[in-house]
Amino acid sequence: FVCEVVGDSMNKIIPSNSWCLFKKDSGGTRAGKIVLVRHADIQDPDYAAGYTVKLYESKKVVEEDSWSHTSIILKPQSLNSEFQNIILKEEDLDGLKVEGIFIEVLN
Protein backbone atom coordinates (compact mmCIF):
# COMPACT_ATOMS: atom_id res chain seq x y z
CA PHE A 1 0.00 0.00 0.00
CA VAL A 2 1.04 3.62 -0.47
CA CYS A 3 0.77 6.50 1.98
CA GLU A 4 2.18 9.98 2.36
CA VAL A 5 4.73 10.43 5.13
CA VAL A 6 4.68 13.95 6.57
CA GLY A 7 7.25 15.33 8.99
CA ASP A 8 11.00 15.43 9.50
CA SER A 9 11.55 12.68 12.08
CA MET A 10 12.77 10.28 9.36
CA ASN A 11 14.30 12.81 6.95
CA LYS A 12 17.63 10.96 6.62
CA ILE A 13 15.67 8.29 4.72
CA ILE A 14 12.19 9.70 3.99
CA PRO A 15 11.85 13.40 3.10
CA SER A 16 8.70 15.08 4.45
CA ASN A 17 5.64 14.84 2.17
CA SER A 18 7.00 11.75 0.39
CA TRP A 19 4.75 9.07 -0.98
CA CYS A 20 6.08 5.74 0.26
CA LEU A 21 5.45 2.11 -0.53
CA PHE A 22 4.81 -0.21 2.43
CA LYS A 23 4.04 -3.90 2.58
CA LYS A 24 1.55 -5.36 5.00
CA ASP A 25 3.21 -6.68 8.14
CA SER A 26 3.02 -10.46 8.14
CA GLY A 27 4.81 -11.02 11.44
CA GLY A 28 8.30 -12.23 12.07
CA THR A 29 11.20 -10.07 13.10
CA ARG A 30 10.93 -6.34 12.52
CA ALA A 31 14.29 -5.50 14.13
CA GLY A 32 16.14 -2.88 12.13
CA LYS A 33 13.22 -2.27 9.76
CA ILE A 34 11.36 0.98 9.24
CA VAL A 35 7.74 0.48 10.19
CA LEU A 36 4.43 2.31 10.10
CA VAL A 37 2.84 1.78 13.52
CA ARG A 38 -0.41 2.74 15.21
CA HIS A 39 -0.74 3.28 18.94
CA ALA A 40 -3.20 5.33 20.97
CA ASP A 41 -0.39 6.94 22.98
CA ILE A 42 1.43 8.22 19.88
CA GLN A 43 -0.08 11.58 19.00
CA ASP A 44 1.04 13.77 16.13
CA PRO A 45 0.52 17.36 17.33
CA ASP A 46 -0.34 18.63 13.83
CA TYR A 47 -2.72 15.88 12.77
CA ALA A 48 -3.87 14.29 16.06
CA ALA A 49 -3.16 10.89 14.56
CA GLY A 50 -1.89 7.85 16.40
CA TYR A 51 0.49 6.81 13.61
CA THR A 52 4.23 7.16 13.15
CA VAL A 53 6.99 5.88 10.90
CA LYS A 54 10.19 4.95 12.73
CA LEU A 55 13.05 2.46 12.87
CA TYR A 56 11.96 -0.54 14.97
CA GLU A 57 14.01 -2.04 17.78
CA SER A 58 12.79 -4.39 20.49
CA LYS A 59 14.11 -5.84 23.71
CA LYS A 60 13.04 -9.38 24.53
CA VAL A 61 13.29 -11.82 27.37
CA VAL A 62 13.53 -15.55 26.68
CA GLU A 63 12.13 -18.02 29.19
CA GLU A 64 12.50 -21.72 28.37
CA ASP A 65 10.63 -22.21 25.05
CA SER A 66 8.96 -18.80 24.83
CA TRP A 67 9.84 -15.13 24.62
CA SER A 68 8.13 -11.79 25.16
CA HIS A 69 8.91 -8.16 24.52
CA THR A 70 10.00 -6.05 27.47
CA SER A 71 10.03 -2.90 25.36
CA ILE A 72 9.84 -1.60 21.82
CA ILE A 73 11.84 1.43 20.80
CA LEU A 74 10.76 3.45 17.77
CA LYS A 75 13.77 5.46 16.63
CA PRO A 76 13.69 8.60 14.50
CA GLN A 77 16.27 8.89 11.72
CA SER A 78 16.46 12.65 11.46
CA LEU A 79 19.02 15.35 10.80
CA ASN A 80 17.28 17.20 13.66
CA SER A 81 18.53 15.84 16.99
CA GLU A 82 15.45 17.16 18.82
CA PHE A 83 13.42 14.11 17.78
CA GLN A 84 13.44 11.53 20.58
CA ASN A 85 12.96 7.78 20.67
CA ILE A 86 9.47 6.55 21.46
CA ILE A 87 9.85 3.89 24.13
CA LEU A 88 6.93 1.59 24.79
CA LYS A 89 7.30 -0.61 27.86
CA GLU A 90 5.77 -4.06 28.27
CA GLU A 91 2.56 -2.69 29.79
CA ASP A 92 2.06 -0.34 26.79
CA LEU A 93 2.53 -2.91 24.04
CA ASP A 94 -1.05 -4.19 23.84
CA GLY A 95 -2.11 -1.10 21.89
CA LEU A 96 0.73 -1.28 19.36
CA LYS A 97 -0.10 -2.39 15.82
CA VAL A 98 2.51 -2.56 13.09
CA GLU A 99 0.53 -1.63 9.97
CA GLY A 100 3.32 -1.91 7.43
CA ILE A 101 6.98 -2.33 6.63
CA PHE A 102 8.64 0.44 4.61
CA ILE A 103 9.83 -0.57 1.14
CA GLU A 104 10.79 2.65 -0.67
CA VAL A 105 10.12 6.32 -1.33
CA LEU A 106 8.17 6.66 -4.57
CA ASN A 107 8.81 10.31 -5.43
PDB file of N, CA and C in Angstrom:
ATOM      1  N   PHE A   1       0.837  -1.177   0.000  1.00  0.00           N
ATOM      2  CA  PHE A   1       0.000   0.000   0.000  1.00  0.00           C
ATOM      3  C   PHE A   1       0.881   1.239   0.000  1.00  0.00           C
ATOM      4  N   VAL A   2       0.309   2.361  -0.371  1.00  0.00           N
ATOM      5  CA  VAL A   2       1.041   3.620  -0.470  1.00  0.00           C
ATOM      6  C   VAL A   2       0.424   4.623   0.481  1.00  0.00           C
ATOM      7  N   CYS A   3       1.269   5.397   1.167  1.00  0.00           N
ATOM      8  CA  CYS A   3       0.765   6.503   1.975  1.00  0.00           C
ATOM      9  C   CYS A   3       1.786   7.627   1.977  1.00  0.00           C
ATOM     10  N   GLU A   4       1.309   8.819   2.289  1.00  0.00           N
ATOM     11  CA  GLU A   4       2.181   9.982   2.355  1.00  0.00           C
ATOM     12  C   GLU A   4       2.747  10.096   3.764  1.00  0.00           C
ATOM     13  N   VAL A   5       4.062  10.269   3.849  1.00  0.00           N
ATOM     14  CA  VAL A   5       4.733  10.430   5.127  1.00  0.00           C
ATOM     15  C   VAL A   5       5.069  11.915   5.275  1.00  0.00           C
ATOM     16  N   VAL A   6       4.524  12.523   6.328  1.00  0.00           N
ATOM     17  CA  VAL A   6       4.679  13.953   6.570  1.00  0.00           C
ATOM     18  C   VAL A   6       5.483  14.146   7.845  1.00  0.00           C
ATOM     19  N   GLY A   7       6.463  15.032   7.808  1.00  0.00           N
ATOM     20  CA  GLY A   7       7.255  15.334   8.988  1.00  0.00           C
ATOM     21  C   GLY A   7       8.721  15.047   8.756  1.00  0.00           C
ATOM     22  N   ASP A   8       9.554  15.522   9.667  1.00  0.00           N
ATOM     23  CA  ASP A   8      10.995  15.433   9.505  1.00  0.00           C
ATOM     24  C   ASP A   8      11.673  14.423  10.424  1.00  0.00           C
ATOM     25  N   SER A   9      10.918  13.610  11.142  1.00  0.00           N
ATOM     26  CA  SER A   9      11.548  12.684  12.079  1.00  0.00           C
ATOM     27  C   SER A   9      12.298  11.545  11.393  1.00  0.00           C
ATOM     28  N   MET A  10      12.080  11.348  10.102  1.00  0.00           N
ATOM     29  CA  MET A  10      12.771  10.284   9.355  1.00  0.00           C
ATOM     30  C   MET A  10      13.490  10.853   8.131  1.00  0.00           C
ATOM     31  N   ASN A  11      13.827  12.149   8.161  1.00  0.00           N
ATOM     32  CA  ASN A  11      14.303  12.811   6.951  1.00  0.00           C
ATOM     33  C   ASN A  11      15.664  12.348   6.430  1.00  0.00           C
ATOM     34  N   LYS A  12      16.406  11.551   7.168  1.00  0.00           N
ATOM     35  CA  LYS A  12      17.626  10.956   6.617  1.00  0.00           C
ATOM     36  C   LYS A  12      17.282   9.938   5.536  1.00  0.00           C
ATOM     37  N   ILE A  13      16.081   9.357   5.629  1.00  0.00           N
ATOM     38  CA  ILE A  13      15.666   8.286   4.723  1.00  0.00           C
ATOM     39  C   ILE A  13      14.431   8.679   3.924  1.00  0.00           C
ATOM     40  N   ILE A  14      13.475   9.357   4.600  1.00  0.00           N
ATOM     41  CA  ILE A  14      12.195   9.703   3.990  1.00  0.00           C
ATOM     42  C   ILE A  14      11.984  11.213   4.118  1.00  0.00           C
ATOM     43  N   PRO A  15      12.133  11.961   3.025  1.00  0.00           N
ATOM     44  CA  PRO A  15      11.850  13.396   3.101  1.00  0.00           C
ATOM     45  C   PRO A  15      10.373  13.646   3.413  1.00  0.00           C
ATOM     46  N   SER A  16      10.087  14.738   4.121  1.00  0.00           N
ATOM     47  CA  SER A  16       8.702  15.077   4.448  1.00  0.00           C
ATOM     48  C   SER A  16       7.873  15.213   3.172  1.00  0.00           C
ATOM     49  N   ASN A  17       6.617  14.801   3.264  1.00  0.00           N
ATOM     50  CA  ASN A  17       5.637  14.841   2.166  1.00  0.00           C
ATOM     51  C   ASN A  17       5.948  13.847   1.051  1.00  0.00           C
ATOM     52  N   SER A  18       6.692  12.793   1.377  1.00  0.00           N
ATOM     53  CA  SER A  18       6.998  11.753   0.392  1.00  0.00           C
ATOM     54  C   SER A  18       5.898  10.706   0.365  1.00  0.00           C
ATOM     55  N   TRP A  19       5.629  10.228  -0.826  1.00  0.00           N
ATOM     56  CA  TRP A  19       4.749   9.072  -0.979  1.00  0.00           C
ATOM     57  C   TRP A  19       5.630   7.835  -0.902  1.00  0.00           C
ATOM     58  N   CYS A  20       5.244   6.915  -0.023  1.00  0.00           N
ATOM     59  CA  CYS A  20       6.077   5.743   0.257  1.00  0.00           C
ATOM     60  C   CYS A  20       5.292   4.457   0.072  1.00  0.00           C
ATOM     61  N   LEU A  21       6.008   3.438  -0.365  1.00  0.00           N
ATOM     62  CA  LEU A  21       5.448   2.105  -0.526  1.00  0.00           C
ATOM     63  C   LEU A  21       5.742   1.295   0.731  1.00  0.00           C
ATOM     64  N   PHE A  22       4.707   0.674   1.264  1.00  0.00           N
ATOM     65  CA  PHE A  22       4.808  -0.205   2.426  1.00  0.00           C
ATOM     66  C   PHE A  22       4.222  -1.554   2.054  1.00  0.00           C
ATOM     67  N   LYS A  23       4.700  -2.596   2.708  1.00  0.00           N
ATOM     68  CA  LYS A  23       4.043  -3.904   2.575  1.00  0.00           C
ATOM     69  C   LYS A  23       3.371  -4.222   3.897  1.00  0.00           C
ATOM     70  N   LYS A  24       2.288  -4.958   3.809  1.00  0.00           N
ATOM     71  CA  LYS A  24       1.553  -5.357   5.004  1.00  0.00           C
ATOM     72  C   LYS A  24       2.458  -6.187   5.893  1.00  0.00           C
ATOM     73  N   ASP A  25       2.407  -5.921   7.185  1.00  0.00           N
ATOM     74  CA  ASP A  25       3.206  -6.683   8.137  1.00  0.00           C
ATOM     75  C   ASP A  25       2.634  -8.086   8.267  1.00  0.00           C
ATOM     76  N   SER A  26       3.480  -9.081   8.039  1.00  0.00           N
ATOM     77  CA  SER A  26       3.021 -10.464   8.140  1.00  0.00           C
ATOM     78  C   SER A  26       3.660 -11.191   9.313  1.00  0.00           C
ATOM     79  N   GLY A  27       4.201 -10.418  10.262  1.00  0.00           N
ATOM     80  CA  GLY A  27       4.807 -11.023  11.437  1.00  0.00           C
ATOM     81  C   GLY A  27       6.285 -11.274  11.221  1.00  0.00           C
ATOM     82  N   GLY A  28       6.871 -11.985  12.141  1.00  0.00           N
ATOM     83  CA  GLY A  28       8.298 -12.231  12.074  1.00  0.00           C
ATOM     84  C   GLY A  28       9.072 -11.057  12.643  1.00  0.00           C
ATOM     85  N   THR A  29      10.381 -11.119  12.516  1.00  0.00           N
ATOM     86  CA  THR A  29      11.199 -10.073  13.100  1.00  0.00           C
ATOM     87  C   THR A  29      11.057  -8.755  12.339  1.00  0.00           C
ATOM     88  N   ARG A  30      11.000  -7.686  13.097  1.00  0.00           N
ATOM     89  CA  ARG A  30      10.934  -6.341  12.521  1.00  0.00           C
ATOM     90  C   ARG A  30      12.185  -5.550  12.895  1.00  0.00           C
ATOM     91  N   ALA A  31      13.086  -6.170  13.644  1.00  0.00           N
ATOM     92  CA  ALA A  31      14.287  -5.499  14.133  1.00  0.00           C
ATOM     93  C   ALA A  31      15.059  -4.876  12.981  1.00  0.00           C
ATOM     94  N   GLY A  32      15.375  -3.587  13.127  1.00  0.00           N
ATOM     95  CA  GLY A  32      16.141  -2.877  12.127  1.00  0.00           C
ATOM     96  C   GLY A  32      15.366  -2.432  10.909  1.00  0.00           C
ATOM     97  N   LYS A  33      14.058  -2.671  10.897  1.00  0.00           N
ATOM     98  CA  LYS A  33      13.225  -2.267   9.761  1.00  0.00           C
ATOM     99  C   LYS A  33      12.504  -0.965  10.090  1.00  0.00           C
ATOM    100  N   ILE A  34      12.182  -0.224   9.064  1.00  0.00           N
ATOM    101  CA  ILE A  34      11.363   0.977   9.236  1.00  0.00           C
ATOM    102  C   ILE A  34       9.920   0.538   9.125  1.00  0.00           C
ATOM    103  N   VAL A  35       9.125   0.934  10.112  1.00  0.00           N
ATOM    104  CA  VAL A  35       7.743   0.475  10.191  1.00  0.00           C
ATOM    105  C   VAL A  35       6.771   1.643  10.323  1.00  0.00           C
ATOM    106  N   LEU A  36       5.560   1.415   9.849  1.00  0.00           N
ATOM    107  CA  LEU A  36       4.428   2.305  10.100  1.00  0.00           C
ATOM    108  C   LEU A  36       3.644   1.657  11.224  1.00  0.00           C
ATOM    109  N   VAL A  37       3.533   2.351  12.365  1.00  0.00           N
ATOM    110  CA  VAL A  37       2.839   1.782  13.520  1.00  0.00           C
ATOM    111  C   VAL A  37       1.699   2.680  13.961  1.00  0.00           C
ATOM    112  N   ARG A  38       0.735   2.032  14.616  1.00  0.00           N
ATOM    113  CA  ARG A  38      -0.407   2.739  15.215  1.00  0.00           C
ATOM    114  C   ARG A  38      -0.422   2.413  16.695  1.00  0.00           C
ATOM    115  N   HIS A  39      -0.624   3.453  17.498  1.00  0.00           N
ATOM    116  CA  HIS A  39      -0.738   3.276  18.937  1.00  0.00           C
ATOM    117  C   HIS A  39      -1.489   4.479  19.500  1.00  0.00           C
ATOM    118  N   ALA A  40      -2.389   4.246  20.407  1.00  0.00           N
ATOM    119  CA  ALA A  40      -3.203   5.331  20.971  1.00  0.00           C
ATOM    120  C   ALA A  40      -2.369   6.379  21.699  1.00  0.00           C
ATOM    121  N   ASP A  41      -1.217   5.995  22.232  1.00  0.00           N
ATOM    122  CA  ASP A  41      -0.387   6.942  22.978  1.00  0.00           C
ATOM    123  C   ASP A  41       0.570   7.738  22.107  1.00  0.00           C
ATOM    124  N   ILE A  42       0.599   7.453  20.800  1.00  0.00           N
ATOM    125  CA  ILE A  42       1.429   8.219  19.875  1.00  0.00           C
ATOM    126  C   ILE A  42       0.526   9.264  19.238  1.00  0.00           C
ATOM    127  N   GLN A  43       0.762  10.514  19.530  1.00  0.00           N
ATOM    128  CA  GLN A  43      -0.083  11.577  18.999  1.00  0.00           C
ATOM    129  C   GLN A  43       0.749  12.587  18.229  1.00  0.00           C
ATOM    130  N   ASP A  44       0.426  12.752  16.966  1.00  0.00           N
ATOM    131  CA  ASP A  44       1.044  13.770  16.134  1.00  0.00           C
ATOM    132  C   ASP A  44       0.381  15.097  16.456  1.00  0.00           C
ATOM    133  N   PRO A  45       1.131  16.104  16.920  1.00  0.00           N
ATOM    134  CA  PRO A  45       0.519  17.360  17.327  1.00  0.00           C
ATOM    135  C   PRO A  45      -0.170  18.111  16.193  1.00  0.00           C
ATOM    136  N   ASP A  46       0.279  17.929  14.950  1.00  0.00           N
ATOM    137  CA  ASP A  46      -0.336  18.630  13.825  1.00  0.00           C
ATOM    138  C   ASP A  46      -1.595  17.944  13.313  1.00  0.00           C
ATOM    139  N   TYR A  47      -1.621  16.624  13.383  1.00  0.00           N
ATOM    140  CA  TYR A  47      -2.718  15.879  12.768  1.00  0.00           C
ATOM    141  C   TYR A  47      -3.541  15.059  13.752  1.00  0.00           C
ATOM    142  N   ALA A  48      -3.159  15.039  15.019  1.00  0.00           N
ATOM    143  CA  ALA A  48      -3.867  14.290  16.063  1.00  0.00           C
ATOM    144  C   ALA A  48      -4.072  12.833  15.667  1.00  0.00           C
ATOM    145  N   ALA A  49      -3.077  12.280  15.006  1.00  0.00           N
ATOM    146  CA  ALA A  49      -3.160  10.894  14.557  1.00  0.00           C
ATOM    147  C   ALA A  49      -2.274  10.015  15.424  1.00  0.00           C
ATOM    148  N   GLY A  50      -2.652   8.786  15.601  1.00  0.00           N
ATOM    149  CA  GLY A  50      -1.889   7.847  16.400  1.00  0.00           C
ATOM    150  C   GLY A  50      -0.962   6.986  15.563  1.00  0.00           C
ATOM    151  N   TYR A  51      -0.404   7.549  14.497  1.00  0.00           N
ATOM    152  CA  TYR A  51       0.489   6.814  13.607  1.00  0.00           C
ATOM    153  C   TYR A  51       1.867   7.458  13.596  1.00  0.00           C
ATOM    154  N   THR A  52       2.888   6.646  13.355  1.00  0.00           N
ATOM    155  CA  THR A  52       4.232   7.161  13.150  1.00  0.00           C
ATOM    156  C   THR A  52       5.018   6.182  12.296  1.00  0.00           C
ATOM    157  N   VAL A  53       6.047   6.698  11.653  1.00  0.00           N
ATOM    158  CA  VAL A  53       6.992   5.884  10.896  1.00  0.00           C
ATOM    159  C   VAL A  53       8.339   6.038  11.588  1.00  0.00           C
ATOM    160  N   LYS A  54       8.918   4.925  12.003  1.00  0.00           N
ATOM    161  CA  LYS A  54      10.189   4.951  12.731  1.00  0.00           C
ATOM    162  C   LYS A  54      10.949   3.646  12.495  1.00  0.00           C
ATOM    163  N   LEU A  55      12.223   3.655  12.869  1.00  0.00           N
ATOM    164  CA  LEU A  55      13.051   2.457  12.866  1.00  0.00           C
ATOM    165  C   LEU A  55      12.702   1.634  14.106  1.00  0.00           C
ATOM    166  N   TYR A  56      12.458   0.350  13.924  1.00  0.00           N
ATOM    167  CA  TYR A  56      11.959  -0.537  14.972  1.00  0.00           C
ATOM    168  C   TYR A  56      13.103  -1.270  15.661  1.00  0.00           C
ATOM    169  N   GLU A  57      13.074  -1.246  16.966  1.00  0.00           N
ATOM    170  CA  GLU A  57      14.005  -2.037  17.779  1.00  0.00           C
ATOM    171  C   GLU A  57      13.213  -2.595  18.952  1.00  0.00           C
ATOM    172  N   SER A  58      13.501  -3.817  19.347  1.00  0.00           N
ATOM    173  CA  SER A  58      12.790  -4.389  20.492  1.00  0.00           C
ATOM    174  C   SER A  58      13.776  -5.043  21.445  1.00  0.00           C
ATOM    175  N   LYS A  59      13.365  -5.114  22.691  1.00  0.00           N
ATOM    176  CA  LYS A  59      14.110  -5.836  23.712  1.00  0.00           C
ATOM    177  C   LYS A  59      13.212  -6.982  24.162  1.00  0.00           C
ATOM    178  N   LYS A  60      13.810  -8.174  24.221  1.00  0.00           N
ATOM    179  CA  LYS A  60      13.043  -9.381  24.530  1.00  0.00           C
ATOM    180  C   LYS A  60      13.656 -10.106  25.709  1.00  0.00           C
ATOM    181  N   VAL A  61      12.820 -10.907  26.343  1.00  0.00           N
ATOM    182  CA  VAL A  61      13.292 -11.822  27.374  1.00  0.00           C
ATOM    183  C   VAL A  61      12.868 -13.228  26.934  1.00  0.00           C
ATOM    184  N   VAL A  62      13.790 -14.168  27.057  1.00  0.00           N
ATOM    185  CA  VAL A  62      13.527 -15.553  26.681  1.00  0.00           C
ATOM    186  C   VAL A  62      13.440 -16.382  27.948  1.00  0.00           C
ATOM    187  N   GLU A  63      12.345 -17.139  28.042  1.00  0.00           N
ATOM    188  CA  GLU A  63      12.132 -18.023  29.188  1.00  0.00           C
ATOM    189  C   GLU A  63      11.760 -19.400  28.659  1.00  0.00           C
ATOM    190  N   GLU A  64      12.667 -20.352  28.844  1.00  0.00           N
ATOM    191  CA  GLU A  64      12.496 -21.721  28.366  1.00  0.00           C
ATOM    192  C   GLU A  64      12.177 -21.725  26.874  1.00  0.00           C
ATOM    193  N   ASP A  65      10.971 -22.099  26.477  1.00  0.00           N
ATOM    194  CA  ASP A  65      10.630 -22.207  25.053  1.00  0.00           C
ATOM    195  C   ASP A  65       9.823 -21.026  24.531  1.00  0.00           C
ATOM    196  N   SER A  66       9.750 -19.941  25.291  1.00  0.00           N
ATOM    197  CA  SER A  66       8.958 -18.803  24.831  1.00  0.00           C
ATOM    198  C   SER A  66       9.726 -17.501  25.039  1.00  0.00           C
ATOM    199  N   TRP A  67       9.232 -16.446  24.463  1.00  0.00           N
ATOM    200  CA  TRP A  67       9.839 -15.135  24.616  1.00  0.00           C
ATOM    201  C   TRP A  67       8.726 -14.089  24.669  1.00  0.00           C
ATOM    202  N   SER A  68       9.070 -12.920  25.171  1.00  0.00           N
ATOM    203  CA  SER A  68       8.132 -11.793  25.160  1.00  0.00           C
ATOM    204  C   SER A  68       8.932 -10.498  25.091  1.00  0.00           C
ATOM    205  N   HIS A  69       8.278  -9.467  24.583  1.00  0.00           N
ATOM    206  CA  HIS A  69       8.910  -8.157  24.519  1.00  0.00           C
ATOM    207  C   HIS A  69       8.895  -7.507  25.903  1.00  0.00           C
ATOM    208  N   THR A  70       9.992  -6.882  26.260  1.00  0.00           N
ATOM    209  CA  THR A  70      10.005  -6.049  27.467  1.00  0.00           C
ATOM    210  C   THR A  70       9.848  -4.589  27.096  1.00  0.00           C
ATOM    211  N   SER A  71      10.259  -4.241  25.870  1.00  0.00           N
ATOM    212  CA  SER A  71      10.026  -2.896  25.361  1.00  0.00           C
ATOM    213  C   SER A  71      10.237  -2.874  23.854  1.00  0.00           C
ATOM    214  N   ILE A  72       9.627  -1.876  23.236  1.00  0.00           N
ATOM    215  CA  ILE A  72       9.840  -1.596  21.818  1.00  0.00           C
ATOM    216  C   ILE A  72      10.270  -0.147  21.737  1.00  0.00           C
ATOM    217  N   ILE A  73      11.317   0.088  20.972  1.00  0.00           N
ATOM    218  CA  ILE A  73      11.841   1.432  20.798  1.00  0.00           C
ATOM    219  C   ILE A  73      11.655   1.813  19.338  1.00  0.00           C
ATOM    220  N   LEU A  74      10.975   2.923  19.114  1.00  0.00           N
ATOM    221  CA  LEU A  74      10.764   3.453  17.770  1.00  0.00           C
ATOM    222  C   LEU A  74      11.698   4.640  17.611  1.00  0.00           C
ATOM    223  N   LYS A  75      12.673   4.501  16.714  1.00  0.00           N
ATOM    224  CA  LYS A  75      13.767   5.460  16.627  1.00  0.00           C
ATOM    225  C   LYS A  75      13.632   6.370  15.404  1.00  0.00           C
ATOM    226  N   PRO A  76      13.658   7.679  15.633  1.00  0.00           N
ATOM    227  CA  PRO A  76      13.692   8.603  14.496  1.00  0.00           C
ATOM    228  C   PRO A  76      15.046   8.500  13.791  1.00  0.00           C
ATOM    229  N   GLN A  77      15.052   8.838  12.524  1.00  0.00           N
ATOM    230  CA  GLN A  77      16.274   8.890  11.721  1.00  0.00           C
ATOM    231  C   GLN A  77      16.308  10.267  11.075  1.00  0.00           C
ATOM    232  N   SER A  78      16.600  11.268  11.888  1.00  0.00           N
ATOM    233  CA  SER A  78      16.463  12.653  11.462  1.00  0.00           C
ATOM    234  C   SER A  78      17.774  13.418  11.557  1.00  0.00           C
ATOM    235  N   LEU A  79      17.907  14.410  10.712  1.00  0.00           N
ATOM    236  CA  LEU A  79      19.016  15.345  10.801  1.00  0.00           C
ATOM    237  C   LEU A  79      18.833  16.285  11.983  1.00  0.00           C
ATOM    238  N   ASN A  80      17.613  16.357  12.507  1.00  0.00           N
ATOM    239  CA  ASN A  80      17.280  17.201  13.656  1.00  0.00           C
ATOM    240  C   ASN A  80      17.352  16.341  14.920  1.00  0.00           C
ATOM    241  N   SER A  81      18.310  16.645  15.779  1.00  0.00           N
ATOM    242  CA  SER A  81      18.527  15.837  16.987  1.00  0.00           C
ATOM    243  C   SER A  81      17.461  16.043  18.061  1.00  0.00           C
ATOM    244  N   GLU A  82      16.517  16.943  17.838  1.00  0.00           N
ATOM    245  CA  GLU A  82      15.447  17.162  18.820  1.00  0.00           C
ATOM    246  C   GLU A  82      14.423  16.028  18.841  1.00  0.00           C
ATOM    247  N   PHE A  83      14.353  15.241  17.789  1.00  0.00           N
ATOM    248  CA  PHE A  83      13.424  14.108  17.779  1.00  0.00           C
ATOM    249  C   PHE A  83      13.945  13.028  18.709  1.00  0.00           C
ATOM    250  N   GLN A  84      13.075  12.510  19.558  1.00  0.00           N
ATOM    251  CA  GLN A  84      13.437  11.527  20.576  1.00  0.00           C
ATOM    252  C   GLN A  84      12.866  10.155  20.244  1.00  0.00           C
ATOM    253  N   ASN A  85      13.502   9.132  20.788  1.00  0.00           N
ATOM    254  CA  ASN A  85      12.962   7.780  20.675  1.00  0.00           C
ATOM    255  C   ASN A  85      11.605   7.713  21.354  1.00  0.00           C
ATOM    256  N   ILE A  86      10.732   6.894  20.798  1.00  0.00           N
ATOM    257  CA  ILE A  86       9.467   6.554  21.455  1.00  0.00           C
ATOM    258  C   ILE A  86       9.692   5.187  22.095  1.00  0.00           C
ATOM    259  N   ILE A  87       9.596   5.136  23.403  1.00  0.00           N
ATOM    260  CA  ILE A  87       9.848   3.885  24.128  1.00  0.00           C
ATOM    261  C   ILE A  87       8.541   3.392  24.712  1.00  0.00           C
ATOM    262  N   LEU A  88       8.145   2.212  24.292  1.00  0.00           N
ATOM    263  CA  LEU A  88       6.925   1.585  24.791  1.00  0.00           C
ATOM    264  C   LEU A  88       7.334   0.398  25.660  1.00  0.00           C
ATOM    265  N   LYS A  89       6.977   0.465  26.922  1.00  0.00           N
ATOM    266  CA  LYS A  89       7.299  -0.609  27.864  1.00  0.00           C
ATOM    267  C   LYS A  89       6.286  -1.743  27.724  1.00  0.00           C
ATOM    268  N   GLU A  90       6.595  -2.845  28.366  1.00  0.00           N
ATOM    269  CA  GLU A  90       5.773  -4.058  28.270  1.00  0.00           C
ATOM    270  C   GLU A  90       4.288  -3.791  28.496  1.00  0.00           C
ATOM    271  N   GLU A  91       3.968  -2.955  29.487  1.00  0.00           N
ATOM    272  CA  GLU A  91       2.562  -2.685  29.790  1.00  0.00           C
ATOM    273  C   GLU A  91       1.870  -1.828  28.728  1.00  0.00           C
ATOM    274  N   ASP A  92       2.628  -1.193  27.837  1.00  0.00           N
ATOM    275  CA  ASP A  92       2.058  -0.336  26.788  1.00  0.00           C
ATOM    276  C   ASP A  92       1.943  -1.038  25.441  1.00  0.00           C
ATOM    277  N   LEU A  93       2.414  -2.259  25.343  1.00  0.00           N
ATOM    278  CA  LEU A  93       2.533  -2.912  24.041  1.00  0.00           C
ATOM    279  C   LEU A  93       1.222  -3.450  23.486  1.00  0.00           C
ATOM    280  N   ASP A  94       0.219  -3.652  24.330  1.00  0.00           N
ATOM    281  CA  ASP A  94      -1.055  -4.188  23.843  1.00  0.00           C
ATOM    282  C   ASP A  94      -1.675  -3.317  22.761  1.00  0.00           C
ATOM    283  N   GLY A  95      -1.505  -2.007  22.856  1.00  0.00           N
ATOM    284  CA  GLY A  95      -2.112  -1.099  21.893  1.00  0.00           C
ATOM    285  C   GLY A  95      -1.301  -0.870  20.637  1.00  0.00           C
ATOM    286  N   LEU A  96      -0.147  -1.501  20.510  1.00  0.00           N
ATOM    287  CA  LEU A  96       0.730  -1.284  19.364  1.00  0.00           C
ATOM    288  C   LEU A  96       0.342  -2.195  18.211  1.00  0.00           C
ATOM    289  N   LYS A  97       0.209  -1.605  17.031  1.00  0.00           N
ATOM    290  CA  LYS A  97      -0.097  -2.389  15.824  1.00  0.00           C
ATOM    291  C   LYS A  97       0.846  -1.938  14.726  1.00  0.00           C
ATOM    292  N   VAL A  98       1.665  -2.855  14.237  1.00  0.00           N
ATOM    293  CA  VAL A  98       2.513  -2.560  13.089  1.00  0.00           C
ATOM    294  C   VAL A  98       1.642  -2.727  11.848  1.00  0.00           C
ATOM    295  N   GLU A  99       1.401  -1.616  11.153  1.00  0.00           N
ATOM    296  CA  GLU A  99       0.530  -1.626   9.975  1.00  0.00           C
ATOM    297  C   GLU A  99       1.285  -1.993   8.719  1.00  0.00           C
ATOM    298  N   GLY A 100       2.581  -1.614   8.643  1.00  0.00           N
ATOM    299  CA  GLY A 100       3.318  -1.911   7.431  1.00  0.00           C
ATOM    300  C   GLY A 100       4.815  -1.787   7.613  1.00  0.00           C
ATOM    301  N   ILE A 101       5.528  -2.376   6.675  1.00  0.00           N
ATOM    302  CA  ILE A 101       6.983  -2.328   6.625  1.00  0.00           C
ATOM    303  C   ILE A 101       7.361  -1.463   5.415  1.00  0.00           C
ATOM    304  N   PHE A 102       8.208  -0.477   5.653  1.00  0.00           N
ATOM    305  CA  PHE A 102       8.644   0.441   4.611  1.00  0.00           C
ATOM    306  C   PHE A 102       9.440  -0.284   3.541  1.00  0.00           C
ATOM    307  N   ILE A 103       9.109   0.002   2.273  1.00  0.00           N
ATOM    308  CA  ILE A 103       9.828  -0.573   1.142  1.00  0.00           C
ATOM    309  C   ILE A 103      10.688   0.489   0.456  1.00  0.00           C
ATOM    310  N   GLU A 104      10.047   1.608   0.036  1.00  0.00           N
ATOM    311  CA  GLU A 104      10.793   2.651  -0.668  1.00  0.00           C
ATOM    312  C   GLU A 104       9.993   3.934  -0.776  1.00  0.00           C
ATOM    313  N   VAL A 105      10.730   5.029  -1.016  1.00  0.00           N
ATOM    314  CA  VAL A 105      10.125   6.318  -1.332  1.00  0.00           C
ATOM    315  C   VAL A 105       9.809   6.291  -2.820  1.00  0.00           C
ATOM    316  N   LEU A 106       8.599   6.715  -3.183  1.00  0.00           N
ATOM    317  CA  LEU A 106       8.170   6.663  -4.574  1.00  0.00           C
ATOM    318  C   LEU A 106       8.442   7.945  -5.359  1.00  0.00           C
ATOM    319  N   ASN A 107       8.628   9.070  -4.677  1.00  0.00           N
ATOM    320  CA  ASN A 107       8.815  10.305  -5.430  1.00  0.00           C
ATOM    321  C   ASN A 107      10.164  10.912  -5.183  1.00  0.00           C
TER     322      ASN A 107
END
